[in-house]
Amino acid sequence: MTGFLLSIAAPDAETLLGLIRSYIPILEDGLPGARALGLHLEGPFLNKEKKGAFNSTWLRKPDLEEVYSIIEAGKGWIKQVTMAPELENADSIAEVFQDANVVVALGHSNTDFNTASIALKGNFSHITHTFNAQSNFKHREPGVIGAVLASDNVTAELIADKVHVHSGAMKILYRCLGKDRIILITDAMPGAGLPDGTYTLIGQKVIVKDGQARLTDGTIAGSTAGLIDCVANIHQDLNLSLNDALQGATSNPAKLLGLQDQLGAIEEGMDANLIVFDEEFNMRFVLVQGKIVYQV
């Protein structure tokens, strides 16, 4: 829409720190078009058993010294980090991130219901792309998904492109968590908005065909959908009102990032960020911080 987090990853600690440092002046100066609100570190502290499209060599155990270096390099621009709570020292690392005002999200995890539930009552307050790269729900082993559905306060991301998650599963998530706790995301990869073809994502070859992005082995590798597509999908498939559908792309993410006094609503004193779309959800006009950045 009008603002987003940059999800980044790197093959080793040194490269990651260099990548973070390279983004700081870009974030400080601002970008044309939609506003970059900060960085999301998807890893490197993820469970290799639920690596998704990641190269397993990019993933490692949490390290406190590296975390302090990451926070220092980020200069306050790191807004979210995704971690697997079952990894050694994950909880203490999560506490350090939380103290630095970084949203700690549970993701790429193969842990059990109890471990996930304890994490979600502690230093983990958010879920990265719910249902994807997480231990599944079984009636005797509810896993991460069961812990999310049974949670009381956490917010949860949803890739509503209808490739990552079936509409029936999306409806269950909305019924369990409610419209106030779900955040729509695109999980956009480099081919988003571009023609089918071959792209590179986190060091691996990705084939985009018929709008679906997959590794050569068939693993889903991000999404090509736009956020307006996700809003349209839950509005139409879940029979949500347009206002309720839009909440997952506006006020909910603003609250997650502590920006609810600046973004997420059309009110006096808020940033002049507006979008106009037609009945088919085609974007017609976009205003970011009072400037027209797109117009048909």
Protein backbone atom coordinates (compact mmCIF):
# COMPACT_ATOMS: atom_id res chain seq x y z
CA MET A 1 0.00 0.00 0.00
CA THR A 2 1.77 3.18 1.18
CA GLY A 3 4.35 1.74 3.59
CA PHE A 4 6.24 -1.51 4.05
CA LEU A 5 9.04 -3.30 5.87
CA LEU A 6 12.07 -4.53 3.94
CA SER A 7 12.61 -8.22 4.70
CA ILE A 8 16.31 -9.03 4.47
CA ALA A 9 18.59 -12.02 5.02
CA ALA A 10 22.24 -12.85 4.40
CA PRO A 11 24.47 -15.95 4.30
CA ASP A 12 26.65 -15.01 7.30
CA ALA A 13 26.92 -12.55 10.19
CA GLU A 14 29.44 -10.24 8.51
CA THR A 15 27.38 -9.93 5.34
CA LEU A 16 24.20 -9.34 7.32
CA LEU A 17 25.76 -6.47 9.28
CA GLY A 18 27.07 -4.95 6.06
CA LEU A 19 23.63 -5.25 4.48
CA ILE A 20 21.95 -3.59 7.45
CA ARG A 21 24.45 -0.73 7.44
CA SER A 22 23.98 -0.21 3.69
CA TYR A 23 20.23 0.23 4.14
CA ILE A 24 20.40 2.85 6.91
CA PRO A 25 21.17 5.89 4.71
CA ILE A 26 18.51 4.75 2.23
CA LEU A 27 15.92 4.52 5.00
CA GLU A 28 16.98 7.86 6.44
CA ASP A 29 16.77 9.63 3.05
CA GLY A 30 13.53 7.92 2.06
CA LEU A 31 12.43 6.22 -1.14
CA PRO A 32 10.14 7.39 -3.93
CA GLY A 33 6.73 5.78 -3.87
CA ALA A 34 5.64 3.69 -0.91
CA ARG A 35 7.56 4.54 2.25
CA ALA A 36 10.09 2.07 3.67
CA LEU A 37 9.25 1.96 7.38
CA GLY A 38 12.19 -0.18 8.48
CA LEU A 39 13.80 -3.60 8.30
CA HIS A 40 12.48 -7.06 9.04
CA LEU A 41 15.15 -9.69 9.69
CA GLU A 42 13.70 -13.03 8.61
CA GLY A 43 16.36 -15.03 10.35
CA PRO A 44 19.11 -16.03 10.62
CA PHE A 45 17.87 -17.77 13.78
CA LEU A 46 15.43 -20.18 12.13
CA ASN A 47 14.85 -23.92 12.36
CA LYS A 48 16.40 -25.68 9.37
CA GLU A 49 13.57 -28.22 9.47
CA LYS A 50 11.19 -25.41 8.47
CA LYS A 51 13.55 -23.40 6.28
CA GLY A 52 11.02 -22.82 3.49
CA ALA A 53 12.89 -21.23 0.57
CA PHE A 54 16.01 -20.48 2.65
CA ASN A 55 19.34 -22.12 1.99
CA SER A 56 19.99 -24.06 5.19
CA THR A 57 23.60 -22.82 5.29
CA TRP A 58 22.24 -19.29 5.91
CA LEU A 59 20.63 -20.37 9.19
CA ARG A 60 22.34 -20.66 12.59
CA LYS A 61 21.82 -20.71 16.34
CA PRO A 62 21.11 -17.43 18.16
CA ASP A 63 24.25 -15.63 19.29
CA LEU A 64 24.06 -12.80 21.82
CA GLU A 65 27.15 -10.96 20.56
CA GLU A 66 25.79 -10.99 17.01
CA VAL A 67 22.43 -9.70 18.22
CA TYR A 68 24.00 -6.71 19.98
CA SER A 69 25.94 -5.95 16.79
CA ILE A 70 22.75 -6.20 14.74
CA ILE A 71 20.88 -3.81 17.02
CA GLU A 72 23.76 -1.32 16.99
CA ALA A 73 24.09 -1.46 13.20
CA GLY A 74 20.33 -0.99 12.77
CA LYS A 75 20.21 2.41 14.53
CA GLY A 76 16.57 1.88 15.44
CA TRP A 77 15.49 0.88 11.93
CA ILE A 78 15.10 -2.83 12.70
CA LYS A 79 11.41 -3.14 13.43
CA GLN A 80 10.84 -6.90 13.39
CA VAL A 81 12.83 -10.10 13.68
CA THR A 82 11.61 -13.63 12.98
CA MET A 83 12.98 -16.45 15.15
CA ALA A 84 12.27 -20.08 16.04
CA PRO A 85 11.65 -20.25 19.83
CA GLU A 86 12.93 -23.82 20.17
CA LEU A 87 16.52 -22.83 19.35
CA GLU A 88 19.06 -22.59 22.16
CA ASN A 89 19.02 -19.18 23.90
CA ALA A 90 16.11 -18.01 21.71
CA ASP A 91 14.09 -16.64 24.61
CA SER A 92 16.93 -14.57 26.07
CA ILE A 93 17.77 -13.30 22.58
CA ALA A 94 14.11 -12.41 22.06
CA GLU A 95 14.17 -10.41 25.29
CA VAL A 96 17.17 -8.40 24.06
CA PHE A 97 15.38 -7.61 20.80
CA GLN A 98 12.19 -6.70 22.66
CA ASP A 99 14.12 -4.32 24.94
CA ALA A 100 15.40 -2.64 21.77
CA ASN A 101 11.77 -2.07 20.62
CA VAL A 102 11.99 -4.77 17.97
CA VAL A 103 8.86 -6.87 17.39
CA VAL A 104 9.83 -10.50 17.96
CA ALA A 105 7.89 -12.86 15.70
CA LEU A 106 7.64 -16.63 15.88
CA GLY A 107 8.34 -18.20 12.51
CA HIS A 108 10.12 -20.96 10.60
CA SER A 109 9.57 -23.15 13.63
CA ASN A 110 9.02 -26.88 14.08
CA THR A 111 8.38 -26.74 17.81
CA ASP A 112 5.54 -28.27 19.81
CA PHE A 113 2.39 -26.66 21.16
CA ASN A 114 3.72 -26.13 24.69
CA THR A 115 6.99 -24.49 23.64
CA ALA A 116 5.19 -22.24 21.18
CA SER A 117 2.51 -21.33 23.74
CA ILE A 118 5.11 -20.39 26.37
CA ALA A 119 6.96 -18.26 23.82
CA LEU A 120 3.73 -16.47 22.81
CA LYS A 121 3.03 -15.65 26.45
CA GLY A 122 6.57 -14.35 26.86
CA ASN A 123 8.86 -12.40 24.54
CA PHE A 124 7.29 -13.47 21.23
CA SER A 125 4.33 -11.24 20.41
CA HIS A 126 3.77 -11.82 16.70
CA ILE A 127 3.61 -14.60 14.08
CA THR A 128 5.40 -14.54 10.74
CA HIS A 129 3.29 -15.79 7.79
CA THR A 130 0.93 -18.00 9.80
CA PHE A 131 0.55 -21.60 8.54
CA ASN A 132 3.68 -21.40 6.38
CA ALA A 133 6.96 -22.94 7.58
CA GLN A 134 5.43 -23.92 10.93
CA SER A 135 4.59 -27.25 12.59
CA ASN A 136 1.07 -28.21 11.57
CA PHE A 137 -2.05 -28.70 13.65
CA LYS A 138 -2.95 -32.25 14.65
CA HIS A 139 -5.62 -33.03 17.20
CA ARG A 140 -3.12 -34.75 19.52
CA GLU A 141 -0.15 -32.60 18.54
CA PRO A 142 -1.48 -29.07 17.92
CA GLY A 143 1.96 -27.68 17.06
CA VAL A 144 2.71 -24.03 16.36
CA ILE A 145 -0.55 -23.55 14.47
CA GLY A 146 -2.54 -24.80 17.44
CA ALA A 147 -0.68 -22.44 19.76
CA VAL A 148 -1.46 -19.52 17.47
CA LEU A 149 -5.15 -20.37 17.17
CA ALA A 150 -5.42 -20.80 20.97
CA SER A 151 -3.48 -17.61 21.77
CA ASP A 152 -5.09 -14.64 23.49
CA ASN A 153 -3.11 -11.58 22.45
CA VAL A 154 -0.57 -12.20 19.68
CA THR A 155 -0.94 -10.74 16.23
CA ALA A 156 -0.54 -12.96 13.19
CA GLU A 157 0.50 -12.37 9.61
CA LEU A 158 -1.42 -13.90 6.74
CA ILE A 159 -0.26 -14.22 3.12
CA ALA A 160 -3.70 -14.00 1.55
CA ASP A 161 -2.64 -14.69 -2.04
CA LYS A 162 -4.59 -18.01 -2.09
CA VAL A 163 -1.36 -19.82 -2.98
CA HIS A 164 0.27 -19.92 0.46
CA VAL A 165 -2.95 -20.51 2.41
CA HIS A 166 -6.32 -22.01 1.45
CA SER A 167 -9.34 -19.76 1.92
CA GLY A 168 -10.77 -22.24 4.44
CA ALA A 169 -7.68 -21.93 6.62
CA MET A 170 -7.84 -18.14 6.33
CA LYS A 171 -11.42 -18.22 7.58
CA ILE A 172 -10.41 -20.36 10.59
CA LEU A 173 -7.65 -17.88 11.46
CA TYR A 174 -10.07 -14.95 11.32
CA ARG A 175 -12.65 -16.77 13.43
CA CYS A 176 -10.07 -17.67 16.09
CA LEU A 177 -8.13 -14.40 16.29
CA GLY A 178 -10.63 -11.84 15.01
CA LYS A 179 -10.11 -8.98 12.59
CA ASP A 180 -8.14 -6.87 15.09
CA ARG A 181 -5.21 -9.31 15.36
CA ILE A 182 -4.52 -10.28 11.75
CA ILE A 183 -2.01 -8.48 9.56
CA LEU A 184 -2.08 -9.03 5.82
CA ILE A 185 1.29 -9.33 4.12
CA THR A 186 2.46 -10.07 0.59
CA ASP A 187 5.72 -11.93 1.30
CA ALA A 188 6.69 -10.28 -1.99
CA MET A 189 9.74 -11.60 -3.85
CA PRO A 190 11.71 -9.81 -6.62
CA GLY A 191 9.28 -10.97 -9.33
CA ALA A 192 6.24 -9.35 -7.69
CA GLY A 193 4.47 -7.13 -10.21
CA LEU A 194 6.74 -8.37 -13.01
CA PRO A 195 6.22 -10.92 -15.81
CA ASP A 196 6.73 -14.64 -15.36
CA GLY A 197 10.37 -15.65 -15.58
CA THR A 198 13.46 -16.59 -13.56
CA TYR A 199 14.50 -14.56 -10.53
CA THR A 200 16.91 -14.83 -7.59
CA LEU A 201 15.73 -14.90 -3.95
CA ILE A 202 17.98 -15.29 -0.89
CA GLY A 203 20.69 -16.86 -3.02
CA GLN A 204 18.47 -19.32 -4.86
CA LYS A 205 16.90 -19.58 -8.32
CA VAL A 206 13.15 -18.97 -8.38
CA ILE A 207 10.80 -19.72 -11.27
CA VAL A 208 7.71 -17.52 -11.54
CA LYS A 209 5.02 -19.20 -13.63
CA ASP A 210 1.36 -18.24 -13.78
CA GLY A 211 2.05 -15.77 -10.98
CA GLN A 212 3.38 -18.42 -8.58
CA ALA A 213 6.99 -18.26 -7.34
CA ARG A 214 8.72 -21.57 -6.62
CA LEU A 215 12.19 -23.03 -6.25
CA THR A 216 13.23 -25.61 -8.80
CA ASP A 217 12.10 -28.35 -6.38
CA GLY A 218 8.59 -26.86 -6.20
CA THR A 219 8.94 -25.15 -2.81
CA ILE A 220 6.95 -21.90 -2.61
CA ALA A 221 9.43 -19.00 -2.65
CA GLY A 222 7.55 -15.86 -1.73
CA SER A 223 4.59 -14.29 -3.47
CA THR A 224 3.94 -12.15 -6.53
CA ALA A 225 0.68 -10.71 -5.17
CA GLY A 226 0.15 -7.09 -4.25
CA LEU A 227 -1.36 -6.13 -0.91
CA ILE A 228 -4.52 -4.91 -2.63
CA ASP A 229 -4.90 -8.45 -4.04
CA CYS A 230 -4.77 -9.86 -0.51
CA VAL A 231 -7.42 -7.39 0.66
CA ALA A 232 -9.62 -8.34 -2.29
CA ASN A 233 -9.22 -12.06 -1.58
CA ILE A 234 -10.33 -11.93 2.04
CA HIS A 235 -13.12 -9.48 1.24
CA GLN A 236 -14.51 -11.75 -1.46
CA ASP A 237 -13.65 -15.27 -0.24
CA LEU A 238 -14.22 -14.75 3.48
CA ASN A 239 -17.21 -12.45 3.01
CA LEU A 240 -15.63 -9.76 5.19
CA SER A 241 -16.79 -6.19 4.90
CA LEU A 242 -14.43 -3.95 2.97
CA ASN A 243 -13.62 -2.01 6.16
CA ASP A 244 -12.77 -5.22 8.04
CA ALA A 245 -10.66 -6.49 5.15
CA LEU A 246 -8.76 -3.19 4.91
CA GLN A 247 -8.04 -3.20 8.65
CA GLY A 248 -5.51 -5.99 8.15
CA ALA A 249 -3.56 -3.77 5.76
CA THR A 250 -3.90 -0.44 7.55
CA SER A 251 -4.56 0.08 11.26
CA ASN A 252 -3.43 -3.36 12.42
CA PRO A 253 0.13 -3.18 11.02
CA ALA A 254 0.40 0.45 12.16
CA LYS A 255 -0.37 -0.64 15.74
CA LEU A 256 2.12 -3.51 15.52
CA LEU A 257 4.90 -1.08 14.65
CA GLY A 258 3.79 1.54 17.19
CA LEU A 259 2.83 3.95 14.41
CA GLN A 260 -0.90 4.16 15.10
CA ASP A 261 -0.68 7.90 15.82
CA GLN A 262 0.87 8.46 12.40
CA LEU A 263 -0.43 5.78 10.04
CA GLY A 264 -3.35 3.47 9.43
CA ALA A 265 -6.33 5.83 9.43
CA ILE A 266 -7.70 8.89 7.66
CA GLU A 267 -7.80 11.39 10.51
CA GLU A 268 -6.60 14.88 11.28
CA GLY A 269 -2.92 14.92 12.20
CA MET A 270 -2.11 11.60 10.50
CA ASP A 271 0.22 11.25 7.50
CA ALA A 272 -1.55 12.05 4.24
CA ASN A 273 -1.35 8.51 2.88
CA LEU A 274 -4.29 7.55 0.67
CA ILE A 275 -5.16 4.98 -1.95
CA VAL A 276 -8.06 4.96 -4.39
CA PHE A 277 -9.13 1.75 -6.14
CA ASP A 278 -12.10 0.78 -8.29
CA GLU A 279 -14.69 -1.96 -7.80
CA GLU A 280 -12.31 -4.53 -9.33
CA PHE A 281 -9.56 -3.50 -6.85
CA ASN A 282 -7.45 -1.88 -9.53
CA MET A 283 -5.24 0.87 -8.09
CA ARG A 284 -6.15 4.28 -9.49
CA PHE A 285 -4.41 6.79 -7.24
CA VAL A 286 -1.82 6.68 -4.45
CA LEU A 287 -0.80 9.53 -2.16
CA VAL A 288 2.18 9.12 0.22
CA GLN A 289 2.92 11.82 2.79
CA GLY A 290 0.94 14.32 0.75
CA LYS A 291 2.63 13.55 -2.57
CA ILE A 292 1.07 11.79 -5.54
CA VAL A 293 3.26 8.74 -6.27
CA TYR A 294 0.91 6.87 -8.63
CA GLN A 295 -2.01 7.89 -10.78
CA VAL A 296 -3.88 6.26 -13.67
